[in-house]
Amino acid sequence: MARGQWFGQRPAERLADADSVAVIGLGRFGRSLARELVATGTEVLGIDSDEEVVQSLNGQLTHVVRADSTKDEVLRQLAVHEYDRAVVGIGSNIEASLLTTSLLLRYDSVQIWAKAISHAHAQILEQLGVPHVIRPEHDMGKRVAHLVRGSMQDFIEVEDGFVMVRTTPPAEFVGIPLGTSNLRPKYDVTIVAFRPQGGTWTYASNTTVLTEDDTIMVAGDVKKAEAFSRLR
């Protein structure tokens, strides 16, 4: 079997099922991701080369093991090739990141997410054929930059140039039905949901009448959504 020490119940045959994820590299990003997955009911196999890191996660993940993820025989012994999903969270060791990812790409059934720590790292991963390249620091920087520029409470980029923004309603849209507000022709954005103060989120409709204390979710082009969030 693979070198290293297992923590958690070791599977007799196959660990992976339809709701299992292998997280390889348990630094700050990998640990946070793995814990969040477990918190939402997902079975997680955590893999890291550092025994201290592995021991620190004992009891927090479904399975956690110290192992060298750059070796094909190790990944196969851990049944990673049977997983539907795997996340490579290795960042500081780019060589290990690329070797591990290239091995995972041989497993046709595995959907791969890989962390990149730089533009060059991301480019190489994309050239290898990784469908989901993650740049946490870069993405967070972009998100915070948009929050700083506008009057938004939250900002989520759905696709390049298309966003969802959480903000408060401008005065001109308070107290009238959205269907009569001329919102989309005038600003080319859509209010898709709203939440009254102390209430819960509800889908917006043409008959929705907002108050100044409501919170709204706006969808649209990034520049137009930002501009809309700055209206008062």
C-alpha atoms as a PDB file:
ATOM      1  CA  MET A   1       0.000   0.000   0.000  1.00  0.00           C
ATOM      2  CA  ALA A   2       0.958   3.650  -0.244  1.00  0.00           C
ATOM      3  CA  ARG A   3       3.546   4.868   2.197  1.00  0.00           C
ATOM      4  CA  GLY A   4       2.227   7.073   4.957  1.00  0.00           C
ATOM      5  CA  GLN A   5      -0.195   6.910   7.809  1.00  0.00           C
ATOM      6  CA  TRP A   6      -3.956   6.805   7.477  1.00  0.00           C
ATOM      7  CA  PHE A   7      -6.304   8.623   9.804  1.00  0.00           C
ATOM      8  CA  GLY A   8     -10.022   7.931   9.815  1.00  0.00           C
ATOM      9  CA  GLN A   9     -11.628   4.643   8.811  1.00  0.00           C
ATOM     10  CA  ARG A  10      -9.620   3.053   6.041  1.00  0.00           C
ATOM     11  CA  PRO A  11     -11.775   1.729   3.165  1.00  0.00           C
ATOM     12  CA  ALA A  12     -11.638  -1.991   2.457  1.00  0.00           C
ATOM     13  CA  GLU A  13     -12.069  -1.616  -1.295  1.00  0.00           C
ATOM     14  CA  ARG A  14     -13.273   1.560  -2.926  1.00  0.00           C
ATOM     15  CA  LEU A  15     -13.484   4.847  -1.057  1.00  0.00           C
ATOM     16  CA  ALA A  16     -14.860   7.059  -3.777  1.00  0.00           C
ATOM     17  CA  ASP A  17     -18.578   7.441  -4.293  1.00  0.00           C
ATOM     18  CA  ALA A  18     -20.719   9.987  -6.082  1.00  0.00           C
ATOM     19  CA  ASP A  19     -20.213  12.550  -3.329  1.00  0.00           C
ATOM     20  CA  SER A  20     -16.503  12.153  -2.572  1.00  0.00           C
ATOM     21  CA  VAL A  21     -13.605  14.474  -3.353  1.00  0.00           C
ATOM     22  CA  ALA A  22      -9.862  13.935  -3.166  1.00  0.00           C
ATOM     23  CA  VAL A  23      -8.037  17.055  -1.948  1.00  0.00           C
ATOM     24  CA  ILE A  24      -4.301  16.860  -2.620  1.00  0.00           C
ATOM     25  CA  GLY A  25      -2.195  19.441  -0.811  1.00  0.00           C
ATOM     26  CA  LEU A  26      -3.470  20.517   2.583  1.00  0.00           C
ATOM     27  CA  GLY A  27      -2.039  23.993   2.979  1.00  0.00           C
ATOM     28  CA  ARG A  28      -4.290  26.905   3.923  1.00  0.00           C
ATOM     29  CA  PHE A  29      -6.348  26.642   0.745  1.00  0.00           C
ATOM     30  CA  GLY A  30      -6.596  22.836   0.760  1.00  0.00           C
ATOM     31  CA  ARG A  31      -7.460  22.653   4.465  1.00  0.00           C
ATOM     32  CA  SER A  32     -10.146  25.310   4.169  1.00  0.00           C
ATOM     33  CA  LEU A  33     -11.644  23.626   1.113  1.00  0.00           C
ATOM     34  CA  ALA A  34     -11.548  20.144   2.643  1.00  0.00           C
ATOM     35  CA  ARG A  35     -13.153  21.270   5.902  1.00  0.00           C
ATOM     36  CA  GLU A  36     -15.906  23.125   4.055  1.00  0.00           C
ATOM     37  CA  LEU A  37     -16.633  20.057   1.919  1.00  0.00           C
ATOM     38  CA  VAL A  38     -16.890  17.885   5.033  1.00  0.00           C
ATOM     39  CA  ALA A  39     -19.162  20.457   6.670  1.00  0.00           C
ATOM     40  CA  THR A  40     -21.555  20.153   3.721  1.00  0.00           C
ATOM     41  CA  GLY A  41     -21.681  16.347   3.974  1.00  0.00           C
ATOM     42  CA  THR A  42     -19.081  15.435   1.355  1.00  0.00           C
ATOM     43  CA  GLU A  43     -16.653  12.575   1.966  1.00  0.00           C
ATOM     44  CA  VAL A  44     -13.095  13.875   1.625  1.00  0.00           C
ATOM     45  CA  LEU A  45      -9.809  12.076   1.152  1.00  0.00           C
ATOM     46  CA  GLY A  46      -7.044  14.499   2.125  1.00  0.00           C
ATOM     47  CA  ILE A  47      -3.486  13.848   0.927  1.00  0.00           C
ATOM     48  CA  ASP A  48      -0.351  15.708   1.942  1.00  0.00           C
ATOM     49  CA  SER A  49       3.361  14.930   2.128  1.00  0.00           C
ATOM     50  CA  ASP A  50       3.751  16.584   5.549  1.00  0.00           C
ATOM     51  CA  GLU A  51       3.041  14.213   8.443  1.00  0.00           C
ATOM     52  CA  GLU A  52       2.467  17.067  10.882  1.00  0.00           C
ATOM     53  CA  VAL A  53      -0.200  18.554   8.618  1.00  0.00           C
ATOM     54  CA  VAL A  54      -1.870  15.169   8.222  1.00  0.00           C
ATOM     55  CA  GLN A  55      -1.898  14.529  11.971  1.00  0.00           C
ATOM     56  CA  SER A  56      -3.378  17.970  12.624  1.00  0.00           C
ATOM     57  CA  LEU A  57      -6.376  17.066  10.454  1.00  0.00           C
ATOM     58  CA  ASN A  58      -7.039  13.733  12.128  1.00  0.00           C
ATOM     59  CA  GLY A  59     -10.754  13.562  12.913  1.00  0.00           C
ATOM     60  CA  GLN A  60     -11.597  16.589  10.774  1.00  0.00           C
ATOM     61  CA  LEU A  61     -11.667  14.862   7.380  1.00  0.00           C
ATOM     62  CA  THR A  62     -13.235  11.566   6.389  1.00  0.00           C
ATOM     63  CA  HIS A  63      -9.834  10.135   5.481  1.00  0.00           C
ATOM     64  CA  VAL A  64      -6.427  11.784   5.556  1.00  0.00           C
ATOM     65  CA  VAL A  65      -3.082  10.252   4.597  1.00  0.00           C
ATOM     66  CA  ARG A  66       0.549  11.249   4.239  1.00  0.00           C
ATOM     67  CA  ALA A  67       1.685  10.260   0.763  1.00  0.00           C
ATOM     68  CA  ASP A  68       3.694  11.368  -2.267  1.00  0.00           C
ATOM     69  CA  SER A  69       1.113  12.475  -4.832  1.00  0.00           C
ATOM     70  CA  THR A  70       3.701  12.734  -7.624  1.00  0.00           C
ATOM     71  CA  LYS A  71       3.832   8.942  -7.969  1.00  0.00           C
ATOM     72  CA  ASP A  72       1.197   7.182 -10.073  1.00  0.00           C
ATOM     73  CA  GLU A  73       1.355   3.962  -8.053  1.00  0.00           C
ATOM     74  CA  VAL A  74       0.640   5.887  -4.845  1.00  0.00           C
ATOM     75  CA  LEU A  75      -2.417   7.636  -6.280  1.00  0.00           C
ATOM     76  CA  ARG A  76      -3.741   4.331  -7.615  1.00  0.00           C
ATOM     77  CA  GLN A  77      -3.182   2.583  -4.285  1.00  0.00           C
ATOM     78  CA  LEU A  78      -5.207   5.349  -2.697  1.00  0.00           C
ATOM     79  CA  ALA A  79      -7.921   4.802  -5.337  1.00  0.00           C
ATOM     80  CA  VAL A  80      -7.733   8.429  -6.492  1.00  0.00           C
ATOM     81  CA  HIS A  81      -8.256   7.223 -10.074  1.00  0.00           C
ATOM     82  CA  GLU A  82     -11.740   6.060  -9.024  1.00  0.00           C
ATOM     83  CA  TYR A  83     -12.828   9.488  -7.845  1.00  0.00           C
ATOM     84  CA  ASP A  84     -15.145  11.694  -9.848  1.00  0.00           C
ATOM     85  CA  ARG A  85     -13.504  14.853  -8.530  1.00  0.00           C
ATOM     86  CA  ALA A  86     -10.058  15.866  -7.323  1.00  0.00           C
ATOM     87  CA  VAL A  87      -8.581  19.192  -6.254  1.00  0.00           C
ATOM     88  CA  VAL A  88      -4.846  19.872  -6.417  1.00  0.00           C
ATOM     89  CA  GLY A  89      -4.203  22.485  -3.755  1.00  0.00           C
ATOM     90  CA  ILE A  90      -0.409  22.327  -3.959  1.00  0.00           C
ATOM     91  CA  GLY A  91       0.915  25.839  -4.389  1.00  0.00           C
ATOM     92  CA  SER A  92       4.424  26.429  -3.112  1.00  0.00           C
ATOM     93  CA  ASN A  93       5.948  23.405  -4.879  1.00  0.00           C
ATOM     94  CA  ILE A  94       5.107  24.029  -8.532  1.00  0.00           C
ATOM     95  CA  GLU A  95       6.915  20.897  -9.711  1.00  0.00           C
ATOM     96  CA  ALA A  96       4.817  18.716  -7.408  1.00  0.00           C
ATOM     97  CA  SER A  97       1.691  20.564  -8.517  1.00  0.00           C
ATOM     98  CA  LEU A  98       2.385  19.920 -12.193  1.00  0.00           C
ATOM     99  CA  LEU A  99       3.469  16.295 -11.717  1.00  0.00           C
ATOM    100  CA  THR A 100       0.411  15.494  -9.616  1.00  0.00           C
ATOM    101  CA  THR A 101      -1.929  17.215 -12.040  1.00  0.00           C
ATOM    102  CA  SER A 102      -0.411  15.496 -15.069  1.00  0.00           C
ATOM    103  CA  LEU A 103      -0.994  12.127 -13.391  1.00  0.00           C
ATOM    104  CA  LEU A 104      -4.611  12.965 -12.606  1.00  0.00           C
ATOM    105  CA  LEU A 105      -5.175  13.952 -16.237  1.00  0.00           C
ATOM    106  CA  ARG A 106      -4.504  10.322 -17.192  1.00  0.00           C
ATOM    107  CA  TYR A 107      -7.560   9.279 -15.214  1.00  0.00           C
ATOM    108  CA  ASP A 108     -10.323  10.044 -17.694  1.00  0.00           C
ATOM    109  CA  SER A 109     -13.148   9.893 -15.171  1.00  0.00           C
ATOM    110  CA  VAL A 110     -11.667  12.440 -12.732  1.00  0.00           C
ATOM    111  CA  GLN A 111     -12.800  16.060 -12.914  1.00  0.00           C
ATOM    112  CA  ILE A 112      -9.829  18.202 -11.896  1.00  0.00           C
ATOM    113  CA  TRP A 113      -9.507  21.562 -10.170  1.00  0.00           C
ATOM    114  CA  ALA A 114      -5.956  22.836  -9.686  1.00  0.00           C
ATOM    115  CA  LYS A 115      -4.651  25.807  -7.728  1.00  0.00           C
ATOM    116  CA  ALA A 116      -2.193  28.180  -9.412  1.00  0.00           C
ATOM    117  CA  ILE A 117      -0.038  30.666  -7.527  1.00  0.00           C
ATOM    118  CA  SER A 118       0.958  32.788 -10.525  1.00  0.00           C
ATOM    119  CA  HIS A 119      -0.067  33.644 -14.056  1.00  0.00           C
ATOM    120  CA  ALA A 120       2.690  31.415 -15.470  1.00  0.00           C
ATOM    121  CA  HIS A 121       1.625  28.524 -13.245  1.00  0.00           C
ATOM    122  CA  ALA A 122      -1.975  28.962 -14.407  1.00  0.00           C
ATOM    123  CA  GLN A 123      -0.904  29.026 -18.055  1.00  0.00           C
ATOM    124  CA  ILE A 124       0.995  25.759 -17.722  1.00  0.00           C
ATOM    125  CA  LEU A 125      -1.948  24.074 -16.016  1.00  0.00           C
ATOM    126  CA  GLU A 126      -4.261  25.294 -18.775  1.00  0.00           C
ATOM    127  CA  GLN A 127      -1.833  24.057 -21.437  1.00  0.00           C
ATOM    128  CA  LEU A 128      -1.807  20.653 -19.762  1.00  0.00           C
ATOM    129  CA  GLY A 129      -5.574  20.599 -20.237  1.00  0.00           C
ATOM    130  CA  VAL A 130      -6.833  21.268 -16.719  1.00  0.00           C
ATOM    131  CA  PRO A 131     -10.481  22.365 -17.103  1.00  0.00           C
ATOM    132  CA  HIS A 132     -10.688  24.276 -13.802  1.00  0.00           C
ATOM    133  CA  VAL A 133      -7.704  26.417 -12.819  1.00  0.00           C
ATOM    134  CA  ILE A 134      -8.110  28.281  -9.527  1.00  0.00           C
ATOM    135  CA  ARG A 135      -6.152  31.392  -8.505  1.00  0.00           C
ATOM    136  CA  PRO A 136      -7.486  32.169  -5.012  1.00  0.00           C
ATOM    137  CA  GLU A 137      -5.294  35.184  -4.250  1.00  0.00           C
ATOM    138  CA  HIS A 138      -5.784  36.648  -7.734  1.00  0.00           C
ATOM    139  CA  ASP A 139      -9.546  36.060  -7.707  1.00  0.00           C
ATOM    140  CA  MET A 140      -9.921  37.503  -4.215  1.00  0.00           C
ATOM    141  CA  GLY A 141      -7.903  40.550  -5.246  1.00  0.00           C
ATOM    142  CA  LYS A 142     -10.221  41.144  -8.216  1.00  0.00           C
ATOM    143  CA  ARG A 143     -13.279  40.730  -6.023  1.00  0.00           C
ATOM    144  CA  VAL A 144     -12.068  43.127  -3.351  1.00  0.00           C
ATOM    145  CA  ALA A 145     -11.058  45.667  -6.003  1.00  0.00           C
ATOM    146  CA  HIS A 146     -14.619  45.725  -7.332  1.00  0.00           C
ATOM    147  CA  LEU A 147     -16.034  46.026  -3.814  1.00  0.00           C
ATOM    148  CA  VAL A 148     -13.748  48.967  -3.131  1.00  0.00           C
ATOM    149  CA  ARG A 149     -14.671  50.703  -6.390  1.00  0.00           C
ATOM    150  CA  GLY A 150     -18.439  50.455  -5.961  1.00  0.00           C
ATOM    151  CA  SER A 151     -20.980  50.595  -3.169  1.00  0.00           C
ATOM    152  CA  MET A 152     -21.452  46.843  -3.107  1.00  0.00           C
ATOM    153  CA  GLN A 153     -21.804  44.498  -0.154  1.00  0.00           C
ATOM    154  CA  ASP A 154     -20.703  41.499  -2.220  1.00  0.00           C
ATOM    155  CA  PHE A 155     -19.519  40.717  -5.734  1.00  0.00           C
ATOM    156  CA  ILE A 156     -19.510  37.392  -7.587  1.00  0.00           C
ATOM    157  CA  GLU A 157     -18.212  36.974 -11.129  1.00  0.00           C
ATOM    158  CA  VAL A 158     -20.328  34.344 -12.889  1.00  0.00           C
ATOM    159  CA  GLU A 159     -18.521  34.499 -16.228  1.00  0.00           C
ATOM    160  CA  ASP A 160     -16.009  36.933 -17.683  1.00  0.00           C
ATOM    161  CA  GLY A 161     -17.737  40.286 -17.582  1.00  0.00           C
ATOM    162  CA  PHE A 162     -21.030  39.051 -16.059  1.00  0.00           C
ATOM    163  CA  VAL A 163     -21.566  39.441 -12.323  1.00  0.00           C
ATOM    164  CA  MET A 164     -23.983  39.166  -9.433  1.00  0.00           C
ATOM    165  CA  VAL A 165     -23.842  42.114  -7.038  1.00  0.00           C
ATOM    166  CA  ARG A 166     -25.385  42.504  -3.580  1.00  0.00           C
ATOM    167  CA  THR A 167     -26.237  46.117  -2.792  1.00  0.00           C
ATOM    168  CA  THR A 168     -29.050  48.446  -1.650  1.00  0.00           C
ATOM    169  CA  PRO A 169     -31.747  49.845  -3.955  1.00  0.00           C
ATOM    170  CA  PRO A 170     -31.240  53.345  -5.390  1.00  0.00           C
ATOM    171  CA  ALA A 171     -33.879  55.863  -4.333  1.00  0.00           C
ATOM    172  CA  GLU A 172     -35.550  55.969  -7.759  1.00  0.00           C
ATOM    173  CA  PHE A 173     -36.518  52.277  -7.456  1.00  0.00           C
ATOM    174  CA  VAL A 174     -37.972  52.485  -3.947  1.00  0.00           C
ATOM    175  CA  GLY A 175     -41.719  52.469  -3.459  1.00  0.00           C
ATOM    176  CA  ILE A 176     -42.752  51.540  -7.022  1.00  0.00           C
ATOM    177  CA  PRO A 177     -43.324  48.174  -8.733  1.00  0.00           C
ATOM    178  CA  LEU A 178     -40.185  47.027 -10.550  1.00  0.00           C
ATOM    179  CA  GLY A 179     -42.280  46.378 -13.649  1.00  0.00           C
ATOM    180  CA  THR A 180     -42.929  50.113 -13.997  1.00  0.00           C
ATOM    181  CA  SER A 181     -39.428  51.286 -13.081  1.00  0.00           C
ATOM    182  CA  ASN A 182     -37.819  51.175 -16.555  1.00  0.00           C
ATOM    183  CA  LEU A 183     -34.833  49.526 -14.859  1.00  0.00           C
ATOM    184  CA  ARG A 184     -33.522  47.273 -17.619  1.00  0.00           C
ATOM    185  CA  PRO A 185     -33.877  49.692 -20.565  1.00  0.00           C
ATOM    186  CA  LYS A 186     -32.278  52.501 -18.558  1.00  0.00           C
ATOM    187  CA  TYR A 187     -29.426  50.680 -16.772  1.00  0.00           C
ATOM    188  CA  ASP A 188     -29.243  47.303 -18.570  1.00  0.00           C
ATOM    189  CA  VAL A 189     -29.179  45.281 -15.330  1.00  0.00           C
ATOM    190  CA  THR A 190     -31.732  43.048 -13.616  1.00  0.00           C
ATOM    191  CA  ILE A 191     -32.757  42.848  -9.966  1.00  0.00           C
ATOM    192  CA  VAL A 192     -33.142  39.091  -9.537  1.00  0.00           C
ATOM    193  CA  ALA A 193     -33.839  38.858  -5.797  1.00  0.00           C
ATOM    194  CA  PHE A 194     -34.359  40.977  -2.692  1.00  0.00           C
ATOM    195  CA  ARG A 195     -34.282  40.583   1.072  1.00  0.00           C
ATOM    196  CA  PRO A 196     -36.241  42.785   3.480  1.00  0.00           C
ATOM    197  CA  GLN A 197     -34.399  43.864   6.604  1.00  0.00           C
ATOM    198  CA  GLY A 198     -34.502  40.931   9.004  1.00  0.00           C
ATOM    199  CA  GLY A 199     -36.193  38.759   6.358  1.00  0.00           C
ATOM    200  CA  THR A 200     -35.180  36.111   3.822  1.00  0.00           C
ATOM    201  CA  TRP A 201     -34.250  36.229   0.148  1.00  0.00           C
ATOM    202  CA  THR A 202     -37.140  36.210  -2.324  1.00  0.00           C
ATOM    203  CA  TYR A 203     -37.152  36.237  -6.140  1.00  0.00           C
ATOM    204  CA  ALA A 204     -37.987  39.647  -7.538  1.00  0.00           C
ATOM    205  CA  SER A 205     -40.868  40.079  -9.989  1.00  0.00           C
ATOM    206  CA  ASN A 206     -42.578  42.900 -11.857  1.00  0.00           C
ATOM    207  CA  THR A 207     -44.871  43.439  -8.866  1.00  0.00           C
ATOM    208  CA  THR A 208     -42.051  43.663  -6.306  1.00  0.00           C
ATOM    209  CA  VAL A 209     -41.968  46.991  -4.434  1.00  0.00           C
ATOM    210  CA  LEU A 210     -38.661  47.695  -2.720  1.00  0.00           C
ATOM    211  CA  THR A 211     -38.020  49.729   0.432  1.00  0.00           C
ATOM    212  CA  GLU A 212     -34.849  51.649   1.267  1.00  0.00           C
ATOM    213  CA  ASP A 213     -33.967  49.050   3.930  1.00  0.00           C
ATOM    214  CA  ASP A 214     -34.035  46.130   1.483  1.00  0.00           C
ATOM    215  CA  THR A 215     -30.968  44.359   0.144  1.00  0.00           C
ATOM    216  CA  ILE A 216     -31.029  43.469  -3.546  1.00  0.00           C
ATOM    217  CA  MET A 217     -29.164  41.086  -5.844  1.00  0.00           C
ATOM    218  CA  VAL A 218     -28.356  42.619  -9.218  1.00  0.00           C
ATOM    219  CA  ALA A 219     -27.179  40.738 -12.324  1.00  0.00           C
ATOM    220  CA  GLY A 220     -25.500  42.245 -15.353  1.00  0.00           C
ATOM    221  CA  ASP A 221     -22.355  43.419 -17.067  1.00  0.00           C
ATOM    222  CA  VAL A 222     -19.631  44.208 -14.537  1.00  0.00           C
ATOM    223  CA  LYS A 223     -19.295  47.902 -15.407  1.00  0.00           C
ATOM    224  CA  LYS A 224     -23.035  48.465 -15.539  1.00  0.00           C
ATOM    225  CA  ALA A 225     -23.646  46.605 -12.285  1.00  0.00           C
ATOM    226  CA  GLU A 226     -20.916  48.641 -10.574  1.00  0.00           C
ATOM    227  CA  ALA A 227     -22.376  51.879 -11.903  1.00  0.00           C
ATOM    228  CA  PHE A 228     -25.839  50.852 -10.721  1.00  0.00           C
ATOM    229  CA  SER A 229     -24.508  50.088  -7.231  1.00  0.00           C
ATOM    230  CA  ARG A 230     -23.196  53.659  -6.954  1.00  0.00           C
ATOM    231  CA  LEU A 231     -26.603  55.235  -7.624  1.00  0.00           C
ATOM    232  CA  ARG A 232     -28.218  56.907  -4.635  1.00  0.00           C
END
